[in-house]
Structure formats: structure tokens, C-alpha cells
Amino acid sequence: MKEYKYTVITGASSGIGYEAAKAFAKRGKNLIIIARRREKLEELKKEILHYNRSLKVIVKSIDLSITSNVYSLYDELKNYNIETLVNNAGFGDYSKVNNQNLEKVESMLSLNIEALVILSSLFVRDYEKIEGTQLINISSAGGYTIVPNAVIYCATKFFVSSFTEGLARELIEAKSNLKAKVLAPAATETEFGKVASDVKEYDYQEKFHKYHTSKQMAEFLIKLYDNDYIVGKVDRNSFKFTLQNPIFDYA
């Protein structure tokens, strides 16, 4: 298994992760796709192999909001030669702080922050000297701007943005070969709205004047992957995507 290089994508069962997997597959990248819903991952694998049977596609069904599962997953990943890790798994919550479901918040903190930090840290330890490796963490435009009714979600994404920007600077200072980058989407048509709102149906055309499709965001992710910039960010007003240097101050 070590003779092949793999791109690892968490949260690959839908949305940006699903489309990102297809985008990397079109680049001829072997994939390890990770999410809770095995049936969705198997659908994705079938779709990818339909147009490129030569690729290796590994499916791993696991709940990364459980911390012990994160360590178990990485132990399994040690059997593979990883070229790129995309930490995409995460979800949001639309509610005020004084009226939140704390069980949901706890899971959100575990997935959006703990799982991402653990996987990022273990990946850096093993791959920072390996040429051509990348870590791409998915944040949000809400990781740079506080959005009403999504304060805790935005706080998790502020963490992702600042953590990844800081890590990127550390790697540059250490002259590491591994590159760390952060992608910050604005409104994107995924399952995010349904999960954040705890509803079965969510109309993006009704809720937002502008939004991107998951396929568009996957294309932006590939642009970030192809460049030396650290931040790929969508402006919440214009919805223009730009590649940028780190945004947060670094003392």
C-alpha cells in the first residue's frame, strides 16, 4: 500500500468533500474517502471508478466526532503513503447561544476542532519533511467574520483559520516541505443548511441571494492546491474567490 500515493478527504459523503474527491480523481489521484455514511461513500467510489478504473479508492466509515475514533483512523492511515490531507468534516448550528442544544454543540466542537487538530498534528509529525505534501483545512467565511445566530460555529472556524495560518507560518519558518493551507467558503449549497437548522429541507435560493455550488467550491479548493498561497477565501458580499497570504497577525 505504501507504493501508491493517496489523497485523504474527510467528510466525503456529500457537499464539498464529495466534489473535492471527484476533482482530485480527475487529476489521477488515488483516494481515501472518509465519513460516517458508508453507502454514500460507496456511491462516490462507484462514480469515480466509472470514469477511471485505474484509481485506488479506499472507503473508511467512521464517526470523527468521537476522539478515540480519530486516533484509530490515523493508525489505519499509517499503512498508506499520504500525499494530501483535506480536513473537510464538520457541521454548523444556527441558533443563539442561550438556546442551543449543548449535545449538538459538544459534537460540533469535537468534530470541527478536536478531530481537525489531532489529524493535522499527526500528519505534520509524519510528513513535514516529505516533498509535495499538503494539508488543507476547510474553514469558512464565518472563520473570519462573526455571523448572527452562528456564534459558536463561527468560533470553531475562527479556530480552524487561526490554527492553520499559524501552522503554515511555523512550517515555513522551519523550512518544511509540507504546506498547510486553509479554504474559507461562504454560503455553499450542501447539506450544511439542513444540519445547522435541524430541518429536512433547506432552500438555498430562498435563504441566500448568492451562493456557490459544491462543485464550484471544489474547483476553488483545487486552485488553492495548485498555488503557493496559504488562504483561499470567498468574500461574503461579492462571493468572489481570492487566494491570499495569511490574514491574522503573527506576533
C-alpha atoms as a PDB file:
ATOM      1  CA  MET A   1       0.000   0.000   0.000  1.00  0.00           C
ATOM      2  CA  LYS A   2       2.964   2.294   0.581  1.00  0.00           C
ATOM      3  CA  GLU A   3       3.897   2.201  -3.106  1.00  0.00           C
ATOM      4  CA  TYR A   4       0.850   4.303  -4.005  1.00  0.00           C
ATOM      5  CA  LYS A   5       0.235   7.919  -3.015  1.00  0.00           C
ATOM      6  CA  TYR A   6      -3.188   8.897  -1.674  1.00  0.00           C
ATOM      7  CA  THR A   7      -5.276  11.996  -1.140  1.00  0.00           C
ATOM      8  CA  VAL A   8      -7.294  11.697   2.077  1.00  0.00           C
ATOM      9  CA  ILE A   9     -10.598  13.567   2.374  1.00  0.00           C
ATOM     10  CA  THR A  10     -12.777  13.591   5.483  1.00  0.00           C
ATOM     11  CA  GLY A  11     -16.463  14.440   5.265  1.00  0.00           C
ATOM     12  CA  ALA A  12     -16.510  12.987   1.752  1.00  0.00           C
ATOM     13  CA  SER A  13     -20.074  11.633   1.769  1.00  0.00           C
ATOM     14  CA  SER A  14     -21.634  14.873   0.498  1.00  0.00           C
ATOM     15  CA  GLY A  15     -21.073  18.519  -0.387  1.00  0.00           C
ATOM     16  CA  ILE A  16     -17.605  19.962  -0.827  1.00  0.00           C
ATOM     17  CA  GLY A  17     -15.882  16.756   0.272  1.00  0.00           C
ATOM     18  CA  TYR A  18     -17.792  14.677  -2.280  1.00  0.00           C
ATOM     19  CA  GLU A  19     -16.997  17.055  -5.136  1.00  0.00           C
ATOM     20  CA  ALA A  20     -13.396  17.518  -3.994  1.00  0.00           C
ATOM     21  CA  ALA A  21     -12.878  13.760  -4.180  1.00  0.00           C
ATOM     22  CA  LYS A  22     -14.110  13.768  -7.794  1.00  0.00           C
ATOM     23  CA  ALA A  23     -11.897  16.765  -8.611  1.00  0.00           C
ATOM     24  CA  PHE A  24      -8.777  15.051  -7.249  1.00  0.00           C
ATOM     25  CA  ALA A  25      -9.755  11.836  -9.023  1.00  0.00           C
ATOM     26  CA  LYS A  26      -9.788  13.761 -12.306  1.00  0.00           C
ATOM     27  CA  ARG A  27      -6.181  14.645 -11.506  1.00  0.00           C
ATOM     28  CA  GLY A  28      -5.431  10.934 -11.307  1.00  0.00           C
ATOM     29  CA  LYS A  29      -5.134  10.922  -7.522  1.00  0.00           C
ATOM     30  CA  ASN A  30      -5.798   7.768  -5.527  1.00  0.00           C
ATOM     31  CA  LEU A  31      -8.229   8.445  -2.714  1.00  0.00           C
ATOM     32  CA  ILE A  32      -9.065   7.551   0.858  1.00  0.00           C
ATOM     33  CA  ILE A  33     -12.580   8.864   1.445  1.00  0.00           C
ATOM     34  CA  ILE A  34     -13.893   9.128   4.984  1.00  0.00           C
ATOM     35  CA  ALA A  35     -17.315   9.821   6.511  1.00  0.00           C
ATOM     36  CA  ARG A  36     -19.969   8.172   8.679  1.00  0.00           C
ATOM     37  CA  ARG A  37     -22.303   7.098   5.857  1.00  0.00           C
ATOM     38  CA  ARG A  38     -20.728   4.132   4.120  1.00  0.00           C
ATOM     39  CA  GLU A  39     -23.470   3.902   1.491  1.00  0.00           C
ATOM     40  CA  LYS A  40     -22.723   7.460   0.314  1.00  0.00           C
ATOM     41  CA  LEU A  41     -19.007   6.731   0.182  1.00  0.00           C
ATOM     42  CA  GLU A  42     -19.640   3.588  -1.846  1.00  0.00           C
ATOM     43  CA  GLU A  43     -21.740   5.639  -4.286  1.00  0.00           C
ATOM     44  CA  LEU A  44     -18.864   8.094  -4.621  1.00  0.00           C
ATOM     45  CA  LYS A  45     -16.358   5.282  -5.150  1.00  0.00           C
ATOM     46  CA  LYS A  46     -18.553   3.765  -7.851  1.00  0.00           C
ATOM     47  CA  GLU A  47     -18.907   7.136  -9.584  1.00  0.00           C
ATOM     48  CA  ILE A  48     -15.145   7.733  -9.552  1.00  0.00           C
ATOM     49  CA  LEU A  49     -14.237   4.260 -10.798  1.00  0.00           C
ATOM     50  CA  HIS A  50     -16.823   4.551 -13.557  1.00  0.00           C
ATOM     51  CA  TYR A  51     -14.614   7.072 -15.365  1.00  0.00           C
ATOM     52  CA  ASN A  52     -11.214   5.912 -14.118  1.00  0.00           C
ATOM     53  CA  ARG A  53     -10.908   2.245 -13.174  1.00  0.00           C
ATOM     54  CA  SER A  54      -7.156   2.544 -12.643  1.00  0.00           C
ATOM     55  CA  LEU A  55      -7.540   4.546  -9.429  1.00  0.00           C
ATOM     56  CA  LYS A  56      -7.337   3.144  -5.930  1.00  0.00           C
ATOM     57  CA  VAL A  57     -10.307   4.297  -3.823  1.00  0.00           C
ATOM     58  CA  ILE A  58     -10.352   3.280  -0.159  1.00  0.00           C
ATOM     59  CA  VAL A  59     -13.557   3.746   1.851  1.00  0.00           C
ATOM     60  CA  LYS A  60     -13.461   4.296   5.604  1.00  0.00           C
ATOM     61  CA  SER A  61     -16.719   4.705   7.515  1.00  0.00           C
ATOM     62  CA  ILE A  62     -16.130   6.321  10.907  1.00  0.00           C
ATOM     63  CA  ASP A  63     -17.569   8.992  13.222  1.00  0.00           C
ATOM     64  CA  LEU A  64     -14.790  11.529  13.801  1.00  0.00           C
ATOM     65  CA  SER A  65     -16.736  13.413  16.478  1.00  0.00           C
ATOM     66  CA  ILE A  66     -15.568  10.612  18.811  1.00  0.00           C
ATOM     67  CA  THR A  67     -11.981  11.401  19.737  1.00  0.00           C
ATOM     68  CA  SER A  68     -10.824   7.790  20.105  1.00  0.00           C
ATOM     69  CA  ASN A  69     -12.008   7.141  16.540  1.00  0.00           C
ATOM     70  CA  VAL A  70      -9.741   9.915  15.256  1.00  0.00           C
ATOM     71  CA  TYR A  71      -6.661   8.222  16.683  1.00  0.00           C
ATOM     72  CA  SER A  72      -7.837   4.839  15.389  1.00  0.00           C
ATOM     73  CA  LEU A  73      -8.324   6.288  11.925  1.00  0.00           C
ATOM     74  CA  TYR A  74      -4.838   7.754  11.835  1.00  0.00           C
ATOM     75  CA  ASP A  75      -3.369   4.429  12.944  1.00  0.00           C
ATOM     76  CA  GLU A  76      -5.050   2.903   9.882  1.00  0.00           C
ATOM     77  CA  LEU A  77      -3.755   5.694   7.643  1.00  0.00           C
ATOM     78  CA  LYS A  78      -0.179   4.830   8.619  1.00  0.00           C
ATOM     79  CA  ASN A  79      -0.484   1.893   6.224  1.00  0.00           C
ATOM     80  CA  TYR A  80      -0.707   4.323   3.304  1.00  0.00           C
ATOM     81  CA  ASN A  81       1.552   6.913   1.697  1.00  0.00           C
ATOM     82  CA  ILE A  82      -0.424  10.159   2.030  1.00  0.00           C
ATOM     83  CA  GLU A  83       0.241  12.997  -0.368  1.00  0.00           C
ATOM     84  CA  THR A  84      -2.571  15.360   0.676  1.00  0.00           C
ATOM     85  CA  LEU A  85      -4.894  15.508   3.689  1.00  0.00           C
ATOM     86  CA  VAL A  86      -8.100  17.521   3.346  1.00  0.00           C
ATOM     87  CA  ASN A  87      -9.814  18.036   6.699  1.00  0.00           C
ATOM     88  CA  ASN A  88     -13.310  18.789   5.448  1.00  0.00           C
ATOM     89  CA  ALA A  89     -15.527  17.045   8.024  1.00  0.00           C
ATOM     90  CA  GLY A  90     -17.566  19.468  10.100  1.00  0.00           C
ATOM     91  CA  PHE A  91     -21.020  20.909  10.638  1.00  0.00           C
ATOM     92  CA  GLY A  92     -22.727  24.044  11.922  1.00  0.00           C
ATOM     93  CA  ASP A  93     -25.582  25.196  14.101  1.00  0.00           C
ATOM     94  CA  TYR A  94     -27.997  28.066  13.542  1.00  0.00           C
ATOM     95  CA  SER A  95     -29.205  29.159  16.973  1.00  0.00           C
ATOM     96  CA  LYS A  96     -28.448  31.724  19.647  1.00  0.00           C
ATOM     97  CA  VAL A  97     -26.063  30.816  22.450  1.00  0.00           C
ATOM     98  CA  ASN A  98     -28.833  30.975  25.074  1.00  0.00           C
ATOM     99  CA  ASN A  99     -30.931  28.440  23.171  1.00  0.00           C
ATOM    100  CA  GLN A 100     -28.507  25.864  21.848  1.00  0.00           C
ATOM    101  CA  ASN A 101     -28.634  22.095  22.027  1.00  0.00           C
ATOM    102  CA  LEU A 102     -25.467  21.534  24.019  1.00  0.00           C
ATOM    103  CA  GLU A 103     -25.148  17.902  22.941  1.00  0.00           C
ATOM    104  CA  LYS A 104     -25.056  19.097  19.338  1.00  0.00           C
ATOM    105  CA  VAL A 105     -22.591  21.857  20.272  1.00  0.00           C
ATOM    106  CA  GLU A 106     -20.341  19.335  22.006  1.00  0.00           C
ATOM    107  CA  SER A 107     -20.256  17.151  18.889  1.00  0.00           C
ATOM    108  CA  MET A 108     -19.601  20.223  16.736  1.00  0.00           C
ATOM    109  CA  LEU A 109     -16.647  21.268  18.886  1.00  0.00           C
ATOM    110  CA  SER A 110     -15.260  17.731  18.821  1.00  0.00           C
ATOM    111  CA  LEU A 111     -15.528  17.402  15.047  1.00  0.00           C
ATOM    112  CA  ASN A 112     -14.735  20.934  13.888  1.00  0.00           C
ATOM    113  CA  ILE A 113     -11.818  21.476  16.281  1.00  0.00           C
ATOM    114  CA  GLU A 114     -10.537  18.368  18.083  1.00  0.00           C
ATOM    115  CA  ALA A 115     -10.606  15.950  15.156  1.00  0.00           C
ATOM    116  CA  LEU A 116      -9.052  18.514  12.820  1.00  0.00           C
ATOM    117  CA  VAL A 117      -6.252  19.386  15.247  1.00  0.00           C
ATOM    118  CA  ILE A 118      -5.437  15.756  16.007  1.00  0.00           C
ATOM    119  CA  LEU A 119      -5.321  14.706  12.361  1.00  0.00           C
ATOM    120  CA  SER A 120      -3.379  17.833  11.369  1.00  0.00           C
ATOM    121  CA  SER A 121      -0.842  17.379  14.158  1.00  0.00           C
ATOM    122  CA  LEU A 122      -0.228  13.692  13.491  1.00  0.00           C
ATOM    123  CA  PHE A 123       0.060  14.347   9.753  1.00  0.00           C
ATOM    124  CA  VAL A 124       2.586  17.148  10.307  1.00  0.00           C
ATOM    125  CA  ARG A 125       4.720  14.917  12.533  1.00  0.00           C
ATOM    126  CA  ASP A 126       4.918  12.214   9.889  1.00  0.00           C
ATOM    127  CA  TYR A 127       5.053  14.255   6.687  1.00  0.00           C
ATOM    128  CA  GLU A 128       6.584  17.690   7.268  1.00  0.00           C
ATOM    129  CA  LYS A 129       9.839  16.640   5.597  1.00  0.00           C
ATOM    130  CA  ILE A 130       8.156  14.950   2.620  1.00  0.00           C
ATOM    131  CA  GLU A 131       8.296  16.894  -0.636  1.00  0.00           C
ATOM    132  CA  GLY A 132       4.981  17.604  -2.358  1.00  0.00           C
ATOM    133  CA  THR A 133       2.721  17.075   0.648  1.00  0.00           C
ATOM    134  CA  GLN A 134      -0.159  19.368   1.581  1.00  0.00           C
ATOM    135  CA  LEU A 135      -2.611  19.812   4.440  1.00  0.00           C
ATOM    136  CA  ILE A 136      -5.777  21.698   3.509  1.00  0.00           C
ATOM    137  CA  ASN A 137      -8.183  22.531   6.332  1.00  0.00           C
ATOM    138  CA  ILE A 138     -11.696  23.685   5.482  1.00  0.00           C
ATOM    139  CA  SER A 139     -12.758  26.733   7.455  1.00  0.00           C
ATOM    140  CA  SER A 140     -15.462  29.222   6.446  1.00  0.00           C
ATOM    141  CA  ALA A 141     -16.025  32.869   5.660  1.00  0.00           C
ATOM    142  CA  GLY A 142     -17.527  32.598   9.153  1.00  0.00           C
ATOM    143  CA  GLY A 143     -13.989  31.850  10.291  1.00  0.00           C
ATOM    144  CA  TYR A 144     -13.125  35.467   9.566  1.00  0.00           C
ATOM    145  CA  THR A 145     -16.489  37.178  10.244  1.00  0.00           C
ATOM    146  CA  ILE A 146     -18.937  36.529  13.082  1.00  0.00           C
ATOM    147  CA  VAL A 147     -22.363  35.631  11.700  1.00  0.00           C
ATOM    148  CA  PRO A 148     -25.550  36.220  13.754  1.00  0.00           C
ATOM    149  CA  ASN A 149     -27.171  33.029  15.087  1.00  0.00           C
ATOM    150  CA  ALA A 150     -23.991  31.080  14.362  1.00  0.00           C
ATOM    151  CA  VAL A 151     -21.616  32.422  17.000  1.00  0.00           C
ATOM    152  CA  ILE A 152     -20.232  29.107  18.256  1.00  0.00           C
ATOM    153  CA  TYR A 153     -19.940  27.676  14.747  1.00  0.00           C
ATOM    154  CA  CYS A 154     -18.014  30.781  13.675  1.00  0.00           C
ATOM    155  CA  ALA A 155     -15.802  30.443  16.742  1.00  0.00           C
ATOM    156  CA  THR A 156     -14.897  26.893  15.695  1.00  0.00           C
ATOM    157  CA  LYS A 157     -13.978  28.174  12.252  1.00  0.00           C
ATOM    158  CA  PHE A 158     -12.002  31.117  13.650  1.00  0.00           C
ATOM    159  CA  PHE A 159     -10.035  28.412  15.435  1.00  0.00           C
ATOM    160  CA  VAL A 160      -9.522  26.475  12.196  1.00  0.00           C
ATOM    161  CA  SER A 161      -8.407  29.600  10.338  1.00  0.00           C
ATOM    162  CA  SER A 162      -6.004  30.849  13.005  1.00  0.00           C
ATOM    163  CA  PHE A 163      -4.662  27.368  13.746  1.00  0.00           C
ATOM    164  CA  THR A 164      -3.965  26.635  10.089  1.00  0.00           C
ATOM    165  CA  GLU A 165      -2.486  30.051   9.322  1.00  0.00           C
ATOM    166  CA  GLY A 166      -0.237  29.738  12.376  1.00  0.00           C
ATOM    167  CA  LEU A 167       0.783  26.210  11.445  1.00  0.00           C
ATOM    168  CA  ALA A 168       1.561  27.357   7.906  1.00  0.00           C
ATOM    169  CA  ARG A 169       3.880  30.028   9.287  1.00  0.00           C
ATOM    170  CA  GLU A 170       5.591  27.514  11.582  1.00  0.00           C
ATOM    171  CA  LEU A 171       6.206  25.172   8.658  1.00  0.00           C
ATOM    172  CA  ILE A 172       7.617  27.987   6.517  1.00  0.00           C
ATOM    173  CA  GLU A 173       9.938  29.114   9.319  1.00  0.00           C
ATOM    174  CA  ALA A 174      11.131  25.528   9.770  1.00  0.00           C
ATOM    175  CA  LYS A 175      11.716  25.228   6.007  1.00  0.00           C
ATOM    176  CA  SER A 176       9.412  22.217   5.964  1.00  0.00           C
ATOM    177  CA  ASN A 177       8.339  20.621   2.700  1.00  0.00           C
ATOM    178  CA  LEU A 178       4.738  20.194   3.859  1.00  0.00           C
ATOM    179  CA  LYS A 179       2.426  23.110   3.062  1.00  0.00           C
ATOM    180  CA  ALA A 180      -0.568  23.969   5.247  1.00  0.00           C
ATOM    181  CA  LYS A 181      -3.481  25.869   3.711  1.00  0.00           C
ATOM    182  CA  VAL A 182      -6.988  26.977   4.671  1.00  0.00           C
ATOM    183  CA  LEU A 183     -10.075  27.197   2.451  1.00  0.00           C
ATOM    184  CA  ALA A 184     -12.849  29.541   3.606  1.00  0.00           C
ATOM    185  CA  PRO A 185     -16.134  29.086   1.693  1.00  0.00           C
ATOM    186  CA  ALA A 186     -19.137  31.358   2.069  1.00  0.00           C
ATOM    187  CA  ALA A 187     -22.679  30.027   1.570  1.00  0.00           C
ATOM    188  CA  THR A 188     -22.424  26.782  -0.374  1.00  0.00           C
ATOM    189  CA  GLU A 189     -25.284  24.541  -1.435  1.00  0.00           C
ATOM    190  CA  THR A 190     -24.655  21.415   0.638  1.00  0.00           C
ATOM    191  CA  GLU A 191     -26.352  19.543   3.471  1.00  0.00           C
ATOM    192  CA  PHE A 192     -24.915  22.193   5.822  1.00  0.00           C
ATOM    193  CA  GLY A 193     -28.124  24.247   5.941  1.00  0.00           C
ATOM    194  CA  LYS A 194     -30.301  21.278   6.873  1.00  0.00           C
ATOM    195  CA  VAL A 195     -27.978  20.129   9.627  1.00  0.00           C
ATOM    196  CA  ALA A 196     -27.382  23.618  11.019  1.00  0.00           C
ATOM    197  CA  SER A 197     -31.107  24.369  11.071  1.00  0.00           C
ATOM    198  CA  ASP A 198     -32.260  20.876  12.150  1.00  0.00           C
ATOM    199  CA  VAL A 199     -34.669  20.645   9.208  1.00  0.00           C
ATOM    200  CA  LYS A 200     -35.278  18.065   6.471  1.00  0.00           C
ATOM    201  CA  GLU A 201     -35.415  20.592   3.638  1.00  0.00           C
ATOM    202  CA  TYR A 202     -33.378  23.775   3.159  1.00  0.00           C
ATOM    203  CA  ASP A 203     -33.809  26.122   0.186  1.00  0.00           C
ATOM    204  CA  TYR A 204     -30.585  27.995  -0.573  1.00  0.00           C
ATOM    205  CA  GLN A 205     -32.281  30.165  -3.192  1.00  0.00           C
ATOM    206  CA  GLU A 206     -34.752  31.323  -0.566  1.00  0.00           C
ATOM    207  CA  LYS A 207     -32.175  31.857   2.189  1.00  0.00           C
ATOM    208  CA  PHE A 208     -29.327  33.449   0.205  1.00  0.00           C
ATOM    209  CA  HIS A 209     -29.130  35.956  -2.623  1.00  0.00           C
ATOM    210  CA  LYS A 210     -25.846  34.377  -3.702  1.00  0.00           C
ATOM    211  CA  TYR A 211     -24.182  31.059  -3.028  1.00  0.00           C
ATOM    212  CA  HIS A 212     -21.780  28.613  -4.640  1.00  0.00           C
ATOM    213  CA  THR A 213     -22.350  25.010  -5.579  1.00  0.00           C
ATOM    214  CA  SER A 214     -20.226  22.288  -4.022  1.00  0.00           C
ATOM    215  CA  LYS A 215     -18.611  21.717  -7.410  1.00  0.00           C
ATOM    216  CA  GLN A 216     -17.579  25.380  -7.606  1.00  0.00           C
ATOM    217  CA  MET A 217     -16.029  25.200  -4.135  1.00  0.00           C
ATOM    218  CA  ALA A 218     -14.154  22.047  -5.095  1.00  0.00           C
ATOM    219  CA  GLU A 219     -12.758  23.957  -8.078  1.00  0.00           C
ATOM    220  CA  PHE A 220     -11.632  26.724  -5.713  1.00  0.00           C
ATOM    221  CA  LEU A 221     -10.013  24.104  -3.487  1.00  0.00           C
ATOM    222  CA  ILE A 222      -8.032  22.813  -6.462  1.00  0.00           C
ATOM    223  CA  LYS A 223      -6.911  26.375  -7.269  1.00  0.00           C
ATOM    224  CA  LEU A 224      -5.628  26.684  -3.695  1.00  0.00           C
ATOM    225  CA  TYR A 225      -3.944  23.297  -4.003  1.00  0.00           C
ATOM    226  CA  ASP A 226      -2.164  24.407  -7.178  1.00  0.00           C
ATOM    227  CA  ASN A 227      -0.841  27.670  -5.701  1.00  0.00           C
ATOM    228  CA  ASP A 228       1.642  28.730  -3.047  1.00  0.00           C
ATOM    229  CA  TYR A 229      -0.877  30.966  -1.256  1.00  0.00           C
ATOM    230  CA  ILE A 230      -1.969  29.912   2.221  1.00  0.00           C
ATOM    231  CA  VAL A 231      -5.570  31.181   2.255  1.00  0.00           C
ATOM    232  CA  GLY A 232      -8.342  30.661  -0.288  1.00  0.00           C
ATOM    233  CA  LYS A 233     -11.266  32.823   0.788  1.00  0.00           C
ATOM    234  CA  VAL A 234     -14.716  33.667  -0.560  1.00  0.00           C
ATOM    235  CA  ASP A 235     -15.939  37.209   0.148  1.00  0.00           C
ATOM    236  CA  ARG A 236     -19.357  37.038   1.856  1.00  0.00           C
ATOM    237  CA  ASN A 237     -20.654  40.078  -0.062  1.00  0.00           C
ATOM    238  CA  SER A 238     -19.260  39.765  -3.573  1.00  0.00           C
ATOM    239  CA  PHE A 239     -18.779  35.985  -3.455  1.00  0.00           C
ATOM    240  CA  LYS A 240     -15.502  36.495  -5.270  1.00  0.00           C
ATOM    241  CA  PHE A 241     -12.854  33.861  -4.532  1.00  0.00           C
ATOM    242  CA  THR A 242      -9.318  35.088  -3.908  1.00  0.00           C
ATOM    243  CA  LEU A 243      -6.027  33.484  -2.980  1.00  0.00           C
ATOM    244  CA  GLN A 244      -4.294  35.362  -0.185  1.00  0.00           C
ATOM    245  CA  ASN A 245      -1.385  35.407   2.200  1.00  0.00           C
ATOM    246  CA  PRO A 246      -2.191  34.881   5.915  1.00  0.00           C
ATOM    247  CA  ILE A 247      -4.825  37.266   7.239  1.00  0.00           C
ATOM    248  CA  PHE A 248      -4.336  37.080  11.009  1.00  0.00           C
ATOM    249  CA  ASP A 249      -1.476  38.974  12.641  1.00  0.00           C
ATOM    250  CA  TYR A 250       1.530  36.900  13.654  1.00  0.00           C
ATOM    251  CA  ALA A 251       3.441  38.407  16.564  1.00  0.00           C
END
